[in-house]
Structures are given as structure tokens and as C-alpha cells.
Amino acid sequence: MKNSAIMKTAKKETFIVIALYILFFAWWYVTAYSFGDDPSQYRYVLGFPEWFFYSCIVGYAGISILLWICVSFFFTDIDLEEEEKDGENND
């Protein structure tokens, strides 16, 4: 693979990771700060406050699944070893 193709692939993968991070942060922020301010009025899901459950547990599971899907389908395995030139031996 030529360097320009490697750089194009790396930029695409970097954009995907940054977009997923922004999505995860937005999910975390909205769910963490939108479920009430008064602890006496908290609702609980599986023993956790609703804000914590949705922002930290569901958000982490969701982003883990999205990352797995992206790595499986959109990322390319790139050989980082230098290719041997014809006629040369790098021993």
C-alpha cells in the first residue's frame, strides 16, 4: 500500500473515531444532566440513579457496540512493516 493510500485510510479512521467520541460525549452530557437536580426525586434503574444508568452504563455499552461495528466494517488492517525492495535483503 502506498503512503498516500495509508494516509487517506488513517484520516478516514481518525474521523470515524472522533465522530464517535463526540457522539458518546453528547450522549453522556445530555443524559447525565437532564434527569433532575433534586436527589430526593431520583428514579432508579437496577438500583442506580436514572441519570447514572443511562449516561454511564447504557452509554458505555452503546459506544462499545458502535466501536466494534466500526472497527469490524470500516477499518482496514495496514501492514506497518516496511516492504522489502526487489533485490535487497534486510537481514
N, C-alpha and C. Protein backbone atom coordinates (compact mmCIF):
# COMPACT_ATOMS: atom_id res chain seq x y z
N MET A 1 0.85 -1.17 0.00
CA MET A 1 0.00 0.00 0.00
C MET A 1 0.90 1.24 0.00
N LYS A 2 0.61 2.20 -0.85
CA LYS A 2 1.41 3.40 -0.92
C LYS A 2 1.11 4.32 0.26
N ASN A 3 2.05 5.22 0.54
CA ASN A 3 1.88 6.13 1.67
C ASN A 3 0.64 6.99 1.55
N SER A 4 0.31 7.46 0.35
CA SER A 4 -0.87 8.32 0.19
C SER A 4 -2.15 7.53 0.51
N ALA A 5 -2.19 6.26 0.12
CA ALA A 5 -3.36 5.43 0.43
C ALA A 5 -3.44 5.17 1.92
N ILE A 6 -2.30 4.96 2.55
CA ILE A 6 -2.26 4.74 4.00
C ILE A 6 -2.75 5.99 4.73
N MET A 7 -2.30 7.15 4.30
CA MET A 7 -2.71 8.40 4.95
C MET A 7 -4.21 8.65 4.75
N LYS A 8 -4.74 8.34 3.58
CA LYS A 8 -6.17 8.51 3.32
C LYS A 8 -6.99 7.61 4.24
N THR A 9 -6.54 6.36 4.38
CA THR A 9 -7.21 5.41 5.27
C THR A 9 -7.13 5.88 6.72
N ALA A 10 -5.96 6.35 7.13
CA ALA A 10 -5.76 6.81 8.51
C ALA A 10 -6.65 8.02 8.81
N LYS A 11 -6.77 8.94 7.85
CA LYS A 11 -7.63 10.11 8.06
C LYS A 11 -9.09 9.71 8.18
N LYS A 12 -9.54 8.77 7.36
CA LYS A 12 -10.92 8.30 7.42
C LYS A 12 -11.20 7.65 8.77
N GLU A 13 -10.28 6.81 9.23
CA GLU A 13 -10.47 6.13 10.51
C GLU A 13 -10.41 7.11 11.67
N THR A 14 -9.55 8.11 11.58
CA THR A 14 -9.47 9.14 12.62
C THR A 14 -10.77 9.92 12.70
N PHE A 15 -11.34 10.28 11.55
CA PHE A 15 -12.62 10.99 11.53
C PHE A 15 -13.72 10.15 12.19
N ILE A 16 -13.74 8.86 11.90
CA ILE A 16 -14.75 7.98 12.49
C ILE A 16 -14.62 7.95 14.01
N VAL A 17 -13.40 7.81 14.51
CA VAL A 17 -13.17 7.74 15.96
C VAL A 17 -13.56 9.06 16.62
N ILE A 18 -13.19 10.19 16.03
CA ILE A 18 -13.53 11.49 16.62
C ILE A 18 -15.04 11.69 16.61
N ALA A 19 -15.72 11.32 15.52
CA ALA A 19 -17.17 11.45 15.45
C ALA A 19 -17.85 10.59 16.52
N LEU A 20 -17.36 9.37 16.71
CA LEU A 20 -17.94 8.50 17.75
C LEU A 20 -17.69 9.05 19.15
N TYR A 21 -16.51 9.64 19.37
CA TYR A 21 -16.22 10.23 20.67
C TYR A 21 -17.15 11.41 20.94
N ILE A 22 -17.37 12.26 19.94
CA ILE A 22 -18.28 13.40 20.11
C ILE A 22 -19.70 12.90 20.38
N LEU A 23 -20.12 11.87 19.66
CA LEU A 23 -21.44 11.28 19.89
C LEU A 23 -21.56 10.74 21.32
N PHE A 24 -20.53 10.04 21.78
CA PHE A 24 -20.55 9.48 23.14
C PHE A 24 -20.59 10.60 24.18
N PHE A 25 -19.79 11.65 23.99
CA PHE A 25 -19.78 12.75 24.94
C PHE A 25 -21.13 13.45 24.97
N ALA A 26 -21.74 13.67 23.80
CA ALA A 26 -23.05 14.31 23.74
C ALA A 26 -24.09 13.45 24.46
N TRP A 27 -24.07 12.14 24.22
CA TRP A 27 -24.99 11.22 24.91
C TRP A 27 -24.79 11.32 26.42
N TRP A 28 -23.54 11.25 26.86
CA TRP A 28 -23.24 11.28 28.28
C TRP A 28 -23.71 12.60 28.90
N TYR A 29 -23.41 13.70 28.25
CA TYR A 29 -23.74 15.02 28.79
C TYR A 29 -25.25 15.20 28.92
N VAL A 30 -25.97 14.87 27.85
CA VAL A 30 -27.42 15.06 27.86
C VAL A 30 -28.09 14.17 28.90
N THR A 31 -27.71 12.90 28.95
CA THR A 31 -28.35 12.00 29.90
C THR A 31 -27.90 12.25 31.33
N ALA A 32 -26.67 12.68 31.54
CA ALA A 32 -26.19 12.91 32.90
C ALA A 32 -26.81 14.16 33.51
N TYR A 33 -27.08 15.16 32.71
CA TYR A 33 -27.57 16.43 33.25
C TYR A 33 -29.05 16.70 33.01
N SER A 34 -29.78 15.75 32.45
CA SER A 34 -31.18 16.03 32.16
C SER A 34 -32.17 15.25 33.03
N PHE A 35 -31.70 14.50 34.00
CA PHE A 35 -32.60 13.69 34.82
C PHE A 35 -32.79 14.25 36.22
N GLY A 36 -32.92 15.56 36.36
CA GLY A 36 -33.26 16.15 37.65
C GLY A 36 -32.08 16.56 38.48
N ASP A 37 -32.36 17.54 39.33
CA ASP A 37 -31.32 18.08 40.22
C ASP A 37 -31.50 17.66 41.66
N ASP A 38 -32.70 17.32 42.03
CA ASP A 38 -33.01 17.01 43.42
C ASP A 38 -32.88 15.51 43.68
N PRO A 39 -31.89 15.10 44.49
CA PRO A 39 -31.70 13.68 44.75
C PRO A 39 -32.90 12.99 45.41
N SER A 40 -33.74 13.73 46.07
CA SER A 40 -34.92 13.10 46.69
C SER A 40 -35.95 12.68 45.65
N GLN A 41 -35.84 13.20 44.43
CA GLN A 41 -36.78 12.85 43.37
C GLN A 41 -36.17 11.94 42.31
N TYR A 42 -35.00 11.40 42.58
CA TYR A 42 -34.37 10.49 41.62
C TYR A 42 -35.22 9.25 41.43
N ARG A 43 -35.24 8.75 40.21
CA ARG A 43 -35.80 7.43 39.93
C ARG A 43 -34.63 6.50 39.72
N TYR A 44 -34.83 5.21 39.99
CA TYR A 44 -33.74 4.25 39.95
C TYR A 44 -34.00 3.16 38.92
N VAL A 45 -32.94 2.74 38.25
CA VAL A 45 -32.99 1.64 37.29
C VAL A 45 -31.93 0.64 37.73
N LEU A 46 -32.36 -0.57 38.07
CA LEU A 46 -31.46 -1.61 38.57
C LEU A 46 -30.62 -1.14 39.76
N GLY A 47 -31.18 -0.30 40.58
CA GLY A 47 -30.50 0.18 41.78
C GLY A 47 -29.61 1.39 41.55
N PHE A 48 -29.48 1.84 40.34
CA PHE A 48 -28.67 3.01 40.02
C PHE A 48 -29.58 4.20 39.76
N PRO A 49 -29.13 5.41 40.12
CA PRO A 49 -29.91 6.58 39.72
C PRO A 49 -30.07 6.60 38.20
N GLU A 50 -31.24 7.06 37.77
CA GLU A 50 -31.56 7.04 36.34
C GLU A 50 -30.50 7.76 35.51
N TRP A 51 -30.00 8.90 35.96
CA TRP A 51 -29.01 9.64 35.19
C TRP A 51 -27.72 8.83 35.03
N PHE A 52 -27.30 8.14 36.08
CA PHE A 52 -26.08 7.34 36.03
C PHE A 52 -26.26 6.13 35.12
N PHE A 53 -27.39 5.46 35.26
CA PHE A 53 -27.63 4.27 34.46
C PHE A 53 -27.58 4.58 32.98
N TYR A 54 -28.31 5.63 32.55
CA TYR A 54 -28.36 5.93 31.13
C TYR A 54 -27.07 6.57 30.61
N SER A 55 -26.43 7.42 31.40
CA SER A 55 -25.23 8.09 30.90
C SER A 55 -24.01 7.19 30.94
N CYS A 56 -23.81 6.46 32.01
CA CYS A 56 -22.58 5.69 32.17
C CYS A 56 -22.70 4.23 31.74
N ILE A 57 -23.77 3.57 32.09
CA ILE A 57 -23.89 2.14 31.78
C ILE A 57 -24.40 1.92 30.36
N VAL A 58 -25.56 2.52 30.03
CA VAL A 58 -26.10 2.35 28.68
C VAL A 58 -25.19 3.03 27.66
N GLY A 59 -24.68 4.20 27.99
CA GLY A 59 -23.79 4.91 27.07
C GLY A 59 -22.52 4.13 26.77
N TYR A 60 -21.92 3.55 27.80
CA TYR A 60 -20.70 2.77 27.61
C TYR A 60 -20.97 1.52 26.77
N ALA A 61 -22.06 0.83 27.07
CA ALA A 61 -22.40 -0.36 26.28
C ALA A 61 -22.69 0.01 24.83
N GLY A 62 -23.43 1.09 24.64
CA GLY A 62 -23.76 1.52 23.29
C GLY A 62 -22.55 1.92 22.47
N ILE A 63 -21.66 2.70 23.06
CA ILE A 63 -20.47 3.14 22.33
C ILE A 63 -19.54 1.96 22.08
N SER A 64 -19.49 1.00 22.98
CA SER A 64 -18.67 -0.19 22.76
C SER A 64 -19.16 -0.98 21.55
N ILE A 65 -20.47 -1.12 21.43
CA ILE A 65 -21.05 -1.83 20.29
C ILE A 65 -20.79 -1.05 19.00
N LEU A 66 -20.99 0.27 19.02
CA LEU A 66 -20.73 1.09 17.83
C LEU A 66 -19.26 1.02 17.41
N LEU A 67 -18.35 1.07 18.37
CA LEU A 67 -16.93 0.97 18.05
C LEU A 67 -16.59 -0.39 17.45
N TRP A 68 -17.16 -1.45 17.99
CA TRP A 68 -16.90 -2.78 17.44
C TRP A 68 -17.39 -2.87 16.00
N ILE A 69 -18.59 -2.32 15.75
CA ILE A 69 -19.13 -2.34 14.38
C ILE A 69 -18.23 -1.55 13.44
N CYS A 70 -17.81 -0.37 13.86
CA CYS A 70 -16.96 0.47 13.00
C CYS A 70 -15.61 -0.20 12.74
N VAL A 71 -15.00 -0.76 13.75
CA VAL A 71 -13.71 -1.42 13.56
C VAL A 71 -13.86 -2.65 12.66
N SER A 72 -14.94 -3.37 12.83
CA SER A 72 -15.15 -4.58 12.03
C SER A 72 -15.42 -4.28 10.56
N PHE A 73 -16.17 -3.22 10.28
CA PHE A 73 -16.62 -2.99 8.91
C PHE A 73 -15.91 -1.85 8.17
N PHE A 74 -15.40 -0.86 8.89
CA PHE A 74 -14.86 0.32 8.23
C PHE A 74 -13.35 0.48 8.35
N PHE A 75 -12.73 -0.21 9.30
CA PHE A 75 -11.29 -0.06 9.48
C PHE A 75 -10.54 -1.10 8.65
N THR A 76 -9.35 -0.72 8.20
CA THR A 76 -8.54 -1.58 7.35
C THR A 76 -7.27 -1.99 8.09
N ASP A 77 -6.90 -3.24 7.96
CA ASP A 77 -5.66 -3.71 8.56
C ASP A 77 -4.51 -3.25 7.66
N ILE A 78 -3.59 -2.48 8.23
CA ILE A 78 -2.47 -1.93 7.47
C ILE A 78 -1.18 -2.54 8.01
N ASP A 79 -0.37 -3.08 7.11
CA ASP A 79 0.92 -3.63 7.50
C ASP A 79 1.89 -2.47 7.71
N LEU A 80 2.41 -2.34 8.92
CA LEU A 80 3.31 -1.23 9.24
C LEU A 80 4.78 -1.57 8.99
N GLU A 81 5.05 -2.80 8.64
CA GLU A 81 6.41 -3.19 8.31
C GLU A 81 6.80 -2.62 6.96
N GLU A 82 8.05 -2.20 6.84
CA GLU A 82 8.49 -1.70 5.54
C GLU A 82 8.60 -2.86 4.57
N GLU A 83 8.18 -2.59 3.34
CA GLU A 83 8.26 -3.62 2.32
C GLU A 83 9.71 -3.74 1.85
N GLU A 84 10.13 -4.98 1.62
CA GLU A 84 11.48 -5.19 1.12
C GLU A 84 11.52 -4.81 -0.35
N LYS A 85 12.54 -4.06 -0.72
CA LYS A 85 12.70 -3.68 -2.11
C LYS A 85 13.24 -4.86 -2.89
N ASP A 86 12.91 -4.92 -4.17
CA ASP A 86 13.39 -6.01 -5.01
C ASP A 86 14.90 -6.10 -4.97
N GLY A 87 15.42 -7.27 -4.69
CA GLY A 87 16.87 -7.49 -4.73
C GLY A 87 17.58 -7.18 -3.43
N GLU A 88 16.92 -6.53 -2.47
CA GLU A 88 17.57 -6.22 -1.21
C GLU A 88 17.11 -7.18 -0.13
N ASN A 89 17.98 -7.45 0.80
CA ASN A 89 17.67 -8.32 1.91
C ASN A 89 17.95 -7.55 3.18
N ASN A 90 16.99 -7.39 4.05
CA ASN A 90 17.16 -6.59 5.27
C ASN A 90 17.58 -7.42 6.47
N ASP A 91 18.32 -8.48 6.27
CA ASP A 91 18.78 -9.31 7.40
C ASP A 91 19.81 -8.65 8.23
